[in-house]
Every structure is written in C-alpha cells, then in structure tokens.
C-alpha cells in the first residue's frame, strides 16, 4: 500500500479515494498526500494512443466494396475534470491496451457507418470531408468516455475489384491529355512569338531600307535640281554676248533641258518604282514570293506600256506634222491646179469652139495610138484580099484612119459640137 506524498508525471493522473473525500480527488500531473489505511491512490495514463482503424470490404452507397485504413490519435483528457472523471469511471483499473481496444472499436464502427453513406468517388477525391465526418461523429461518442480524438486521417483506400485503379487510370489519362495539350499550346505560343519577333525584325529592316531609299531619292532630286540651275546659269553666262543667236540657242537649250528634266523625272519615277519593287521583293522573300514576281512583271509591263505609249505619241506627232505638211502641199497644188483650170475656163469662154477643136486635135494622136494599140501586141497578121482596092500595109492604115474619121461624129453626139464646121480664129 502506498501512502504519504505520492507524485505523478504530466502524462498521468492520480486518483485518490477514501476517507476525507466525498468523491475521488483527481490530480493530473502533480502530487497528493495519501493517508495510509484510510485512503487509496490509483493511476490513469494520459498518454496519446495511436489507433490504426481498419474497415475491410465495406460497401459504399453505390454498392462497391472498398477497404479504408485510418490513423487516429486519442487520449484521455486530463485538463477537463469532468471528462477525466468520466474516464476514471470507464477505464480506471484497466490497462492501456484495453482502453485502446474500446476506442478502436468505437472509431471502426463510426468509420464503417460513414463509408456506407458516401460514394467511392467522394471518399477517394474528398478525403478531408470523409475524415472530418468520422472525426466529428467519433468525437461525440468518445467524449462521453472522457477520451478526446486529437486527430484522424485516412492512411489508405483500396479495393479488390479494380474500381479505384480504373478511376486512377481515367484521371491519369486526363492529366496526360491535359499535359499534351499544354505542351502543344506552349509550343504553339512559342512558335507564334518567334514568328512575331521575326516579323517585327523584318519590318524594322524594311522600314530602314525604305528610309535609306527615300533619302537617296531626295539627294538625287536635289542634285538634279542644283545641276540644272548650274548648267542654266553657265549657259546664260557663256552665251550672253551673242544676243540674237543666244535667244535662239537659249530656246533650244531650254527645250533640251526640259526634255532632260522630263527624262530625269521619268528616270526618278522608274527608280522609285524599282525601289518599291525591291522593297516588295524583300518582303516577298519571307512571305509572298509569287506576289513579288507578279508585282515585278506588272511594273515591267506598265513601264513597257508607258514606253509604247510615249513612242506611239511621238509617232502620232510625227505623222501629224507630216500630214499637215502634205495637206499644205496638196492644198497649194490644188490651188495651183484650180487657178490653172480657172485660166483654162476663161480661155474656153473666150475662144469657145476653137479651143474645143484645139483640145480635140491635141487629143487625136492619143486616140489614134489607143486604136492602134492592139496591133502592137500582134505577133503575126495574115491578110486575105479579093484583089479590089488597097492591100497590105496601106489597107491596114486605111482601116485605122477610117476608125479615126468617126471620131468627129462621136464628139458631136457627146458634146453637140460639129468640129468639122469650126474655123479657128485668125489670132491663132
């Protein structure tokens, strides 16, 4: 029998009962005086007990059998006198193993009950919710025994039918799919960013080339303008002493300079078009080579068309000038012929029939030549005569003259003038 001063560590409590105490004296982690023979002292452990709560093959609300292993930390509450009293009433005199068995069976029952109200997916995916429910339900019962549940967690969830493995495979497939998608999107974004960076670099390069081309064009334009002014002043200084000739030469020079300016302007335009073409061609090396080729061909075709137009305009101008000269010559010739015809008309009005006879006589040899023309084309002539009259060449000449003798009758029928009765004036 223990008596006198009795002490205990912080992990246990003293329970003194007997004389002088209407109810047991509870001393958690301290000392007490025990009278011999009239008082009794007992000890109760306050150590934390680790419980492995196993619930094999419990059917969930879906009818799937799974096994759950939980880890619980429990201890007899020594800070609360009421709970410590209830623990003394329940477990005083029992070993730690017996106390652990009571708490374990209580937790196993509540764990199985909670498993039956939840689905496999809820237990598997939301373990915190399951642990919380088991903790709350088990704590309400164990408190009545003076035991506090310090913590409860799920250690393992398994099944023998492969249900959880199927869920894991599905989730694994989803994760792998999301990973592949994420990787593809990352590669796509990287490629897009690289393309954008390259595009910005090329755009900056093109802008720089365009600025250089613009500066070169401005320099050429100003230089051409300065050259024009210098050449003009020089020509004026050199040709100032020749006033009359200088005026003519100056006009010629101005026209030449105007032509040069036009040619230079056209050359500048061609250069600008070439610069634009080169810029587009540089751009097309990366993006649109076919479009650049088309653009170059269009520009060449346009330049060729402009050249053809200018050549056609020059030819048209030359034809116009030539036509005007020919028209002037024809006009002058027509005026001369009209004047000659007018003089002839005046002469005919003055001499009347005599002039007509004179014209007929001038035309007579031509008529005779036309009548005899078929004979000049004859290679051989065979003449047959009865012996009366002329024969040979005389006969042939007579035939021609007989045709010519009919000319006055034809003239009379056509003009009404009998040339055989017209006598020329003595002035002839």
Foldseek 3Di string as FASTA:
>chain_A
DDFAKDFDAQFKWKWKDFPPDPHTDIGHGTIDGGDPPGMDIFMDGFDKDKEWAKDFQQQALVRATKIWIKIWIKGQDRVDPVLNVLLCVVDTPHDPVVVNVVLNVLLNVLLSVLRHHDDPCCCVVPVVVSQVSSQVVSQVVVSSNRMHTPGMGIDDMGHDPCPVVVVVVVVVVVVVVVVVVVVVVVVVVVVVVVVVVVVVVLVVVLVVLVVVLVVVLVVVVVVLVVVLVVVLVVLCVVCVVPVVVSVVVVVVVVVVVVVVVVVVVVVSVVSVLVSVLVSVCSVCVPPNNPVSVVSVVVSVVVVVVVVVVVVVVVVVVVVVVVVVVVVVVVVVVVVVVVVVVVVVVVVCVVQPLQVVLVVVVVCLVVVLCVLCVVVVVDPDDDDDDPPPDDDDPVVVVVVSVVVSVCVQVVCCVVPVDRNVPDDGDPVD
